[in-house]
């Protein structure tokens, strides 16, 4: 649960990062900064959507600008993790629950679409053995094996499709939220499995990994885990401080609450 990444920050960065390590790094680097900025859950969701929209725009305008695409994709992971921390959600458990044992629709690995069949639960369905990925690289490979059809055909079009789906899923995440998300986070019992956002979070992350795998196909190698570790192992990727000291600015959402 959430407690496993709310302990003291590690002295040395771990060699491998799973979601627990990622959420811990985000907390250590940005929690104090975000609190001082007054960022609430609504603001964080808006920033997550904004970074997803930026990723989509970069791919459409400059599809060959790998550095900008990579930076925007890592930002999506960082802001998604920030929201998960605020909402006290465990991203590893969320991904395991939806994608750990195969496609959530047809219950197969790979998805039946890869075999030219309908993605629907077979009548003779039996649960697949569960061996959940732990590191981000393992999750990237796991989802690549589950949905190989995402990377057939024109990879440029695949990049556009996956970036669009990330934006759509985060939009659905926001739509699924109640009017006052700040109050909702205080009242929803996440431990009882009543979290209304888990499915949308899982889908947004799955499509984010799909985009990472498009980059992997285009460049012959790409690991979102390695990219995140490289950018955030020392601290904030912008101010380079172990605890972010970037300028603190209010957003229109925060100003509207005054």
C-alpha atoms as a PDB file:
ATOM      1  CA  UNK A   1       0.000   0.000   0.000  1.00  0.00           C
ATOM      2  CA  UNK A   2       0.906   3.696   0.064  1.00  0.00           C
ATOM      3  CA  UNK A   3       3.046   3.378   3.194  1.00  0.00           C
ATOM      4  CA  UNK A   4       5.808   1.561   1.363  1.00  0.00           C
ATOM      5  CA  UNK A   5       6.905   4.708  -0.489  1.00  0.00           C
ATOM      6  CA  UNK A   6       6.158   7.298   2.199  1.00  0.00           C
ATOM      7  CA  UNK A   7       9.255   6.490   4.267  1.00  0.00           C
ATOM      8  CA  UNK A   8      12.499   8.425   4.376  1.00  0.00           C
ATOM      9  CA  UNK A   9      14.112   9.171   0.985  1.00  0.00           C
ATOM     10  CA  UNK A  10      16.814   6.783  -0.090  1.00  0.00           C
ATOM     11  CA  UNK A  11      20.432   7.897   0.251  1.00  0.00           C
ATOM     12  CA  UNK A  12      21.354   6.266  -3.061  1.00  0.00           C
ATOM     13  CA  UNK A  13      18.982   5.971  -6.039  1.00  0.00           C
ATOM     14  CA  UNK A  14      17.892   2.414  -6.725  1.00  0.00           C
ATOM     15  CA  UNK A  15      19.211   0.722  -9.829  1.00  0.00           C
ATOM     16  CA  UNK A  16      15.693  -0.274 -10.884  1.00  0.00           C
ATOM     17  CA  UNK A  17      12.541   1.772 -10.639  1.00  0.00           C
ATOM     18  CA  UNK A  18       9.045   0.454 -10.238  1.00  0.00           C
ATOM     19  CA  UNK A  19       6.020   2.596  -9.496  1.00  0.00           C
ATOM     20  CA  UNK A  20       6.846   2.656  -5.781  1.00  0.00           C
ATOM     21  CA  UNK A  21      10.269   4.139  -6.497  1.00  0.00           C
ATOM     22  CA  UNK A  22       8.815   6.602  -9.003  1.00  0.00           C
ATOM     23  CA  UNK A  23       6.121   7.775  -6.595  1.00  0.00           C
ATOM     24  CA  UNK A  24       8.729   8.124  -3.861  1.00  0.00           C
ATOM     25  CA  UNK A  25      11.021  10.227  -6.046  1.00  0.00           C
ATOM     26  CA  UNK A  26       8.107  12.480  -7.020  1.00  0.00           C
ATOM     27  CA  UNK A  27       7.185  12.933  -3.362  1.00  0.00           C
ATOM     28  CA  UNK A  28      10.740  13.775  -2.293  1.00  0.00           C
ATOM     29  CA  UNK A  29      11.334  16.233  -5.136  1.00  0.00           C
ATOM     30  CA  UNK A  30       7.966  17.951  -5.511  1.00  0.00           C
ATOM     31  CA  UNK A  31       5.711  17.489  -2.473  1.00  0.00           C
ATOM     32  CA  UNK A  32       6.966  20.529  -0.536  1.00  0.00           C
ATOM     33  CA  UNK A  33       7.036  22.691  -3.682  1.00  0.00           C
ATOM     34  CA  UNK A  34       3.484  21.742  -4.651  1.00  0.00           C
ATOM     35  CA  UNK A  35       2.171  22.360  -1.142  1.00  0.00           C
ATOM     36  CA  UNK A  36       3.787  25.807  -1.069  1.00  0.00           C
ATOM     37  CA  UNK A  37       2.222  26.539  -4.461  1.00  0.00           C
ATOM     38  CA  UNK A  38      -1.147  25.519  -3.058  1.00  0.00           C
ATOM     39  CA  UNK A  39      -1.642  22.865  -5.715  1.00  0.00           C
ATOM     40  CA  UNK A  40      -4.633  20.673  -4.963  1.00  0.00           C
ATOM     41  CA  UNK A  41      -5.835  17.564  -6.750  1.00  0.00           C
ATOM     42  CA  UNK A  42      -7.811  19.556  -9.329  1.00  0.00           C
ATOM     43  CA  UNK A  43      -4.750  21.599 -10.286  1.00  0.00           C
ATOM     44  CA  UNK A  44      -2.582  18.491 -10.487  1.00  0.00           C
ATOM     45  CA  UNK A  45      -5.109  16.769 -12.765  1.00  0.00           C
ATOM     46  CA  UNK A  46      -5.228  19.880 -14.966  1.00  0.00           C
ATOM     47  CA  UNK A  47      -1.437  19.878 -15.212  1.00  0.00           C
ATOM     48  CA  UNK A  48      -1.467  16.161 -16.068  1.00  0.00           C
ATOM     49  CA  UNK A  49      -3.941  16.842 -18.883  1.00  0.00           C
ATOM     50  CA  UNK A  50      -1.936  19.870 -20.010  1.00  0.00           C
ATOM     51  CA  UNK A  51       1.248  17.826 -20.328  1.00  0.00           C
ATOM     52  CA  UNK A  52      -0.613  15.097 -22.211  1.00  0.00           C
ATOM     53  CA  UNK A  53      -1.970  17.758 -24.597  1.00  0.00           C
ATOM     54  CA  UNK A  54       1.561  19.141 -25.043  1.00  0.00           C
ATOM     55  CA  UNK A  55       2.813  15.640 -25.870  1.00  0.00           C
ATOM     56  CA  UNK A  56       0.057  15.268 -28.467  1.00  0.00           C
ATOM     57  CA  UNK A  57       0.872  18.651 -29.990  1.00  0.00           C
ATOM     58  CA  UNK A  58       4.622  17.992 -30.156  1.00  0.00           C
ATOM     59  CA  UNK A  59       4.040  14.698 -31.973  1.00  0.00           C
ATOM     60  CA  UNK A  60       1.772  16.352 -34.531  1.00  0.00           C
ATOM     61  CA  UNK A  61       3.987  19.385 -35.139  1.00  0.00           C
ATOM     62  CA  UNK A  62       7.503  17.935 -34.789  1.00  0.00           C
ATOM     63  CA  UNK A  63       7.239  14.115 -34.944  1.00  0.00           C
ATOM     64  CA  UNK A  64      10.999  13.781 -35.400  1.00  0.00           C
ATOM     65  CA  UNK A  65      11.872  15.793 -32.297  1.00  0.00           C
ATOM     66  CA  UNK A  66      12.630  12.856 -30.031  1.00  0.00           C
ATOM     67  CA  UNK A  67      13.951  14.953 -27.147  1.00  0.00           C
ATOM     68  CA  UNK A  68      10.746  17.001 -26.909  1.00  0.00           C
ATOM     69  CA  UNK A  69       8.567  13.891 -27.148  1.00  0.00           C
ATOM     70  CA  UNK A  70      10.642  12.138 -24.506  1.00  0.00           C
ATOM     71  CA  UNK A  71      10.484  15.150 -22.173  1.00  0.00           C
ATOM     72  CA  UNK A  72       6.711  15.467 -22.580  1.00  0.00           C
ATOM     73  CA  UNK A  73       6.152  11.752 -21.999  1.00  0.00           C
ATOM     74  CA  UNK A  74       8.222  11.732 -18.812  1.00  0.00           C
ATOM     75  CA  UNK A  75       6.218  14.767 -17.642  1.00  0.00           C
ATOM     76  CA  UNK A  76       3.008  12.768 -18.072  1.00  0.00           C
ATOM     77  CA  UNK A  77       4.408   9.995 -15.855  1.00  0.00           C
ATOM     78  CA  UNK A  78       5.578  12.529 -13.251  1.00  0.00           C
ATOM     79  CA  UNK A  79       2.251  14.352 -13.003  1.00  0.00           C
ATOM     80  CA  UNK A  80       0.274  11.092 -12.979  1.00  0.00           C
ATOM     81  CA  UNK A  81       2.451   9.948 -10.080  1.00  0.00           C
ATOM     82  CA  UNK A  82       1.930  13.298  -8.368  1.00  0.00           C
ATOM     83  CA  UNK A  83      -1.833  12.846  -8.538  1.00  0.00           C
ATOM     84  CA  UNK A  84      -1.519   9.273  -7.281  1.00  0.00           C
ATOM     85  CA  UNK A  85       0.465  10.518  -4.283  1.00  0.00           C
ATOM     86  CA  UNK A  86      -2.113  13.175  -3.440  1.00  0.00           C
ATOM     87  CA  UNK A  87      -4.923  10.636  -3.792  1.00  0.00           C
ATOM     88  CA  UNK A  88      -2.939   8.009  -1.833  1.00  0.00           C
ATOM     89  CA  UNK A  89      -3.130   5.512  -4.704  1.00  0.00           C
ATOM     90  CA  UNK A  90      -0.629   2.731  -5.364  1.00  0.00           C
ATOM     91  CA  UNK A  91       0.027   2.694  -9.116  1.00  0.00           C
ATOM     92  CA  UNK A  92       1.580  -0.774  -8.996  1.00  0.00           C
ATOM     93  CA  UNK A  93      -1.591  -2.227  -7.491  1.00  0.00           C
ATOM     94  CA  UNK A  94      -3.779  -0.363  -9.974  1.00  0.00           C
ATOM     95  CA  UNK A  95      -1.844  -1.709 -12.992  1.00  0.00           C
ATOM     96  CA  UNK A  96      -1.767  -5.199 -11.514  1.00  0.00           C
ATOM     97  CA  UNK A  97      -5.512  -5.119 -10.982  1.00  0.00           C
ATOM     98  CA  UNK A  98      -6.318  -4.236 -14.591  1.00  0.00           C
ATOM     99  CA  UNK A  99      -3.439  -5.487 -16.749  1.00  0.00           C
ATOM    100  CA  UNK A 100      -1.408  -7.852 -14.596  1.00  0.00           C
ATOM    101  CA  UNK A 101      -2.990 -11.095 -15.847  1.00  0.00           C
ATOM    102  CA  UNK A 102      -3.664 -10.255 -19.478  1.00  0.00           C
ATOM    103  CA  UNK A 103      -6.017  -8.027 -21.452  1.00  0.00           C
ATOM    104  CA  UNK A 104      -8.823  -6.873 -19.144  1.00  0.00           C
ATOM    105  CA  UNK A 105     -11.431  -7.545 -21.858  1.00  0.00           C
ATOM    106  CA  UNK A 106     -10.543 -10.905 -23.418  1.00  0.00           C
ATOM    107  CA  UNK A 107      -8.437 -12.107 -20.451  1.00  0.00           C
ATOM    108  CA  UNK A 108      -5.714 -13.318 -22.838  1.00  0.00           C
ATOM    109  CA  UNK A 109      -1.986 -12.674 -23.237  1.00  0.00           C
ATOM    110  CA  UNK A 110      -1.533 -11.423 -25.902  1.00  0.00           C
ATOM    111  CA  UNK A 111      -4.915  -9.819 -26.584  1.00  0.00           C
ATOM    112  CA  UNK A 112      -7.041 -11.845 -29.018  1.00  0.00           C
ATOM    113  CA  UNK A 113      -6.884  -8.920 -31.466  1.00  0.00           C
ATOM    114  CA  UNK A 114      -3.281  -9.985 -32.122  1.00  0.00           C
ATOM    115  CA  UNK A 115      -4.694 -13.248 -33.501  1.00  0.00           C
ATOM    116  CA  UNK A 116      -7.305 -11.539 -35.648  1.00  0.00           C
ATOM    117  CA  UNK A 117     -10.096 -12.473 -33.244  1.00  0.00           C
ATOM    118  CA  UNK A 118     -12.571 -10.360 -31.299  1.00  0.00           C
ATOM    119  CA  UNK A 119     -11.368  -8.939 -28.013  1.00  0.00           C
ATOM    120  CA  UNK A 120     -13.986 -10.619 -25.866  1.00  0.00           C
ATOM    121  CA  UNK A 121     -13.896 -13.079 -23.005  1.00  0.00           C
ATOM    122  CA  UNK A 122     -13.827 -16.687 -24.341  1.00  0.00           C
ATOM    123  CA  UNK A 123     -16.494 -19.088 -23.106  1.00  0.00           C
ATOM    124  CA  UNK A 124     -13.816 -21.520 -21.921  1.00  0.00           C
ATOM    125  CA  UNK A 125     -11.876 -18.786 -20.151  1.00  0.00           C
ATOM    126  CA  UNK A 126      -9.514 -19.808 -17.381  1.00  0.00           C
ATOM    127  CA  UNK A 127      -7.470 -17.377 -15.274  1.00  0.00           C
ATOM    128  CA  UNK A 128      -3.929 -16.901 -16.521  1.00  0.00           C
ATOM    129  CA  UNK A 129      -1.075 -17.479 -14.084  1.00  0.00           C
ATOM    130  CA  UNK A 130      -0.252 -14.133 -12.509  1.00  0.00           C
ATOM    131  CA  UNK A 131       3.363 -12.999 -12.520  1.00  0.00           C
ATOM    132  CA  UNK A 132       3.065  -9.272 -12.317  1.00  0.00           C
ATOM    133  CA  UNK A 133       5.816  -7.008 -13.630  1.00  0.00           C
ATOM    134  CA  UNK A 134       7.515  -4.854 -11.011  1.00  0.00           C
ATOM    135  CA  UNK A 135       9.894  -2.444 -12.715  1.00  0.00           C
ATOM    136  CA  UNK A 136       8.753   0.153 -15.244  1.00  0.00           C
ATOM    137  CA  UNK A 137      10.773  -1.624 -17.933  1.00  0.00           C
ATOM    138  CA  UNK A 138       9.001  -4.887 -17.125  1.00  0.00           C
ATOM    139  CA  UNK A 139       5.633  -3.136 -17.401  1.00  0.00           C
ATOM    140  CA  UNK A 140       6.660  -1.613 -20.729  1.00  0.00           C
ATOM    141  CA  UNK A 141       7.622  -5.048 -22.069  1.00  0.00           C
ATOM    142  CA  UNK A 142       4.518  -6.665 -20.561  1.00  0.00           C
ATOM    143  CA  UNK A 143       2.144  -4.259 -22.310  1.00  0.00           C
ATOM    144  CA  UNK A 144       4.100  -4.524 -25.564  1.00  0.00           C
ATOM    145  CA  UNK A 145       3.572  -8.297 -25.489  1.00  0.00           C
ATOM    146  CA  UNK A 146      -0.094  -7.874 -24.564  1.00  0.00           C
ATOM    147  CA  UNK A 147      -0.951  -5.461 -27.396  1.00  0.00           C
ATOM    148  CA  UNK A 148       1.489  -6.057 -30.283  1.00  0.00           C
ATOM    149  CA  UNK A 149      -1.051  -4.704 -32.808  1.00  0.00           C
ATOM    150  CA  UNK A 150      -0.384  -1.186 -31.508  1.00  0.00           C
ATOM    151  CA  UNK A 151       2.936  -1.203 -33.342  1.00  0.00           C
ATOM    152  CA  UNK A 152       1.958  -2.622 -36.721  1.00  0.00           C
ATOM    153  CA  UNK A 153       1.824  -0.400 -39.768  1.00  0.00           C
ATOM    154  CA  UNK A 154       2.856   3.258 -39.830  1.00  0.00           C
ATOM    155  CA  UNK A 155       4.680   4.048 -36.591  1.00  0.00           C
ATOM    156  CA  UNK A 156       4.162   7.775 -37.080  1.00  0.00           C
ATOM    157  CA  UNK A 157       0.411   7.201 -37.072  1.00  0.00           C
ATOM    158  CA  UNK A 158       0.836   4.929 -34.057  1.00  0.00           C
ATOM    159  CA  UNK A 159       2.519   7.803 -32.211  1.00  0.00           C
ATOM    160  CA  UNK A 160      -0.406  10.097 -33.034  1.00  0.00           C
ATOM    161  CA  UNK A 161      -2.946   7.472 -31.973  1.00  0.00           C
ATOM    162  CA  UNK A 162      -1.286   6.689 -28.656  1.00  0.00           C
ATOM    163  CA  UNK A 163      -0.753  10.355 -27.755  1.00  0.00           C
ATOM    164  CA  UNK A 164      -4.407  11.029 -28.528  1.00  0.00           C
ATOM    165  CA  UNK A 165      -5.515   8.143 -26.361  1.00  0.00           C
ATOM    166  CA  UNK A 166      -3.401   9.355 -23.418  1.00  0.00           C
ATOM    167  CA  UNK A 167      -5.157  12.729 -23.608  1.00  0.00           C
ATOM    168  CA  UNK A 168      -8.558  11.043 -23.925  1.00  0.00           C
ATOM    169  CA  UNK A 169      -7.982   8.786 -20.919  1.00  0.00           C
ATOM    170  CA  UNK A 170      -6.822  11.648 -18.701  1.00  0.00           C
ATOM    171  CA  UNK A 171      -9.848  13.621 -19.872  1.00  0.00           C
ATOM    172  CA  UNK A 172     -12.059  10.680 -18.874  1.00  0.00           C
ATOM    173  CA  UNK A 173     -10.246  10.597 -15.532  1.00  0.00           C
ATOM    174  CA  UNK A 174     -11.235  14.216 -14.949  1.00  0.00           C
ATOM    175  CA  UNK A 175     -14.816  13.670 -16.154  1.00  0.00           C
ATOM    176  CA  UNK A 176     -15.166  10.686 -13.817  1.00  0.00           C
ATOM    177  CA  UNK A 177     -14.249  12.905 -10.875  1.00  0.00           C
ATOM    178  CA  UNK A 178     -16.873  14.580  -8.788  1.00  0.00           C
ATOM    179  CA  UNK A 179     -17.439  18.350  -8.849  1.00  0.00           C
ATOM    180  CA  UNK A 180     -15.258  18.982  -5.837  1.00  0.00           C
ATOM    181  CA  UNK A 181     -12.403  16.544  -6.209  1.00  0.00           C
ATOM    182  CA  UNK A 182     -10.606  17.996  -3.181  1.00  0.00           C
ATOM    183  CA  UNK A 183     -13.483  16.956  -0.915  1.00  0.00           C
ATOM    184  CA  UNK A 184     -13.938  13.652  -2.735  1.00  0.00           C
ATOM    185  CA  UNK A 185     -10.350  12.598  -2.025  1.00  0.00           C
ATOM    186  CA  UNK A 186     -11.029  13.163   1.676  1.00  0.00           C
ATOM    187  CA  UNK A 187     -14.140  10.988   1.725  1.00  0.00           C
ATOM    188  CA  UNK A 188     -13.505   8.105  -0.703  1.00  0.00           C
ATOM    189  CA  UNK A 189     -12.191   4.951   0.956  1.00  0.00           C
ATOM    190  CA  UNK A 190      -9.413   3.849  -1.360  1.00  0.00           C
ATOM    191  CA  UNK A 191      -8.581   0.826   0.767  1.00  0.00           C
ATOM    192  CA  UNK A 192     -12.081  -0.571   0.185  1.00  0.00           C
ATOM    193  CA  UNK A 193     -11.692  -0.501  -3.584  1.00  0.00           C
ATOM    194  CA  UNK A 194     -14.225   2.302  -4.115  1.00  0.00           C
ATOM    195  CA  UNK A 195     -11.804   4.639  -5.897  1.00  0.00           C
ATOM    196  CA  UNK A 196     -13.681   5.972  -8.942  1.00  0.00           C
ATOM    197  CA  UNK A 197     -10.499   6.780 -10.890  1.00  0.00           C
ATOM    198  CA  UNK A 198      -8.465   3.578 -10.847  1.00  0.00           C
ATOM    199  CA  UNK A 199      -9.595   2.272 -14.244  1.00  0.00           C
ATOM    200  CA  UNK A 200      -8.915   5.590 -15.995  1.00  0.00           C
ATOM    201  CA  UNK A 201      -5.491   5.909 -14.331  1.00  0.00           C
ATOM    202  CA  UNK A 202      -4.602   2.377 -15.464  1.00  0.00           C
ATOM    203  CA  UNK A 203      -5.706   3.105 -19.041  1.00  0.00           C
ATOM    204  CA  UNK A 204      -3.773   6.394 -19.167  1.00  0.00           C
ATOM    205  CA  UNK A 205      -0.619   4.627 -17.996  1.00  0.00           C
ATOM    206  CA  UNK A 206      -1.130   1.714 -20.398  1.00  0.00           C
ATOM    207  CA  UNK A 207      -1.330   4.124 -23.350  1.00  0.00           C
ATOM    208  CA  UNK A 208       1.696   6.007 -22.010  1.00  0.00           C
ATOM    209  CA  UNK A 209       3.644   2.749 -22.080  1.00  0.00           C
ATOM    210  CA  UNK A 210       2.281   2.133 -25.594  1.00  0.00           C
ATOM    211  CA  UNK A 211       3.772   5.435 -26.719  1.00  0.00           C
ATOM    212  CA  UNK A 212       7.068   4.459 -25.083  1.00  0.00           C
ATOM    213  CA  UNK A 213       6.971   1.247 -27.110  1.00  0.00           C
ATOM    214  CA  UNK A 214       6.329   3.219 -30.310  1.00  0.00           C
ATOM    215  CA  UNK A 215       9.504   5.172 -29.576  1.00  0.00           C
ATOM    216  CA  UNK A 216      11.257   1.887 -28.901  1.00  0.00           C
ATOM    217  CA  UNK A 217      10.235   0.576 -32.332  1.00  0.00           C
ATOM    218  CA  UNK A 218      11.231   3.797 -34.086  1.00  0.00           C
ATOM    219  CA  UNK A 219      14.604   4.161 -32.374  1.00  0.00           C
ATOM    220  CA  UNK A 220      15.351   0.429 -31.904  1.00  0.00           C
ATOM    221  CA  UNK A 221      15.714   1.053 -28.176  1.00  0.00           C
ATOM    222  CA  UNK A 222      13.874   3.179 -25.636  1.00  0.00           C
ATOM    223  CA  UNK A 223      13.077   2.679 -21.968  1.00  0.00           C
ATOM    224  CA  UNK A 224      10.769   5.077 -20.126  1.00  0.00           C
ATOM    225  CA  UNK A 225      12.301   3.802 -16.879  1.00  0.00           C
ATOM    226  CA  UNK A 226      15.800   4.774 -17.979  1.00  0.00           C
ATOM    227  CA  UNK A 227      14.588   8.148 -19.191  1.00  0.00           C
ATOM    228  CA  UNK A 228      12.875   8.921 -15.878  1.00  0.00           C
ATOM    229  CA  UNK A 229      15.890   7.767 -13.864  1.00  0.00           C
ATOM    230  CA  UNK A 230      18.244   9.896 -15.932  1.00  0.00           C
ATOM    231  CA  UNK A 231      16.110  13.031 -15.588  1.00  0.00           C
ATOM    232  CA  UNK A 232      15.103  12.685 -11.928  1.00  0.00           C
ATOM    233  CA  UNK A 233      17.816  10.704 -10.157  1.00  0.00           C
ATOM    234  CA  UNK A 234      19.434  13.902  -8.809  1.00  0.00           C
ATOM    235  CA  UNK A 235      16.230  15.897  -8.303  1.00  0.00           C
ATOM    236  CA  UNK A 236      14.031  18.199 -10.370  1.00  0.00           C
ATOM    237  CA  UNK A 237      14.809  17.969 -14.075  1.00  0.00           C
ATOM    238  CA  UNK A 238      14.470  21.760 -14.461  1.00  0.00           C
ATOM    239  CA  UNK A 239      16.059  23.444 -11.408  1.00  0.00           C
ATOM    240  CA  UNK A 240      18.337  20.428 -10.722  1.00  0.00           C
ATOM    241  CA  UNK A 241      17.649  20.671  -6.990  1.00  0.00           C
ATOM    242  CA  UNK A 242      17.045  17.551  -4.822  1.00  0.00           C
ATOM    243  CA  UNK A 243      13.900  19.357  -3.594  1.00  0.00           C
ATOM    244  CA  UNK A 244      12.348  21.462  -6.344  1.00  0.00           C
ATOM    245  CA  UNK A 245      12.971  25.217  -6.040  1.00  0.00           C
ATOM    246  CA  UNK A 246      11.371  26.188  -9.337  1.00  0.00           C
ATOM    247  CA  UNK A 247       9.396  29.483  -9.248  1.00  0.00           C
ATOM    248  CA  UNK A 248       6.151  29.031  -7.345  1.00  0.00           C
ATOM    249  CA  UNK A 249       3.198  30.192  -9.393  1.00  0.00           C
ATOM    250  CA  UNK A 250      -0.520  29.965  -8.846  1.00  0.00           C
ATOM    251  CA  UNK A 251      -2.711  28.558 -11.615  1.00  0.00           C
ATOM    252  CA  UNK A 252      -6.083  29.788 -12.827  1.00  0.00           C
ATOM    253  CA  UNK A 253      -7.722  26.958 -10.878  1.00  0.00           C
ATOM    254  CA  UNK A 254      -6.096  28.048  -7.620  1.00  0.00           C
ATOM    255  CA  UNK A 255      -6.918  31.713  -8.255  1.00  0.00           C
ATOM    256  CA  UNK A 256     -10.565  30.871  -8.971  1.00  0.00           C
ATOM    257  CA  UNK A 257     -10.907  29.368  -5.484  1.00  0.00           C
ATOM    258  CA  UNK A 258     -10.157  32.694  -3.785  1.00  0.00           C
END
